[in-house]
């Protein structure tokens, strides 16, 4: 008998060729299952989250624009500082879109942010995204063409906005949102961005 461990990737062949009508296949998988620890069977187990996550999203395109299917995370239910974590929730949406399954929700991301500094500091967000494998830059001179460039490449764009006052003289403490698409032929608030 050969006791050499086969590579992890070989397990995929067993799954691929599993025949639910073959009792030996069923018994073999039940044997594996009985040897696993109890916490393996948990909705919060890392493998379950990865298995249930969606593959990278396709870019919805029309002749007039782009629409990315980005999962929404509300800052309102964040485990701490919900009133001031819009930047973190926005970056978590970007991360979740680009690297599905890396985080379970924005609380995972927010925890990493507060391990590094404060949620309102751009350098903390950049460092946290890098920790999760996403390279990002913070700029203060982006325009509509910048947004389109990233959206056309399938990259949602977190944007800080001043949302009070007129467009000529905005004011307030600001808010962070994620731009997920645009339509050139629409005259919508924000110039067709949403």
Foldseek 3Di string as FASTA:
>chain_A
DDPDDDDPVVVVVLVVPQDPVDVVSVVVVVVVVVPDDPCVPDCPDLVNQVVPWDPQFDWDDDPFKIFAPFDQAQLCPAPPPSVPQQQQRQLQSQLCNVPPSLDPHSNVLVVQLVVQPDNVDPVSSQVSSVVSPDHDDDDDDDDPVNCRVQLVVVGKAKDWDQDDDDPVDGDDPTGIDIWGMAGCPDCDPVNRID
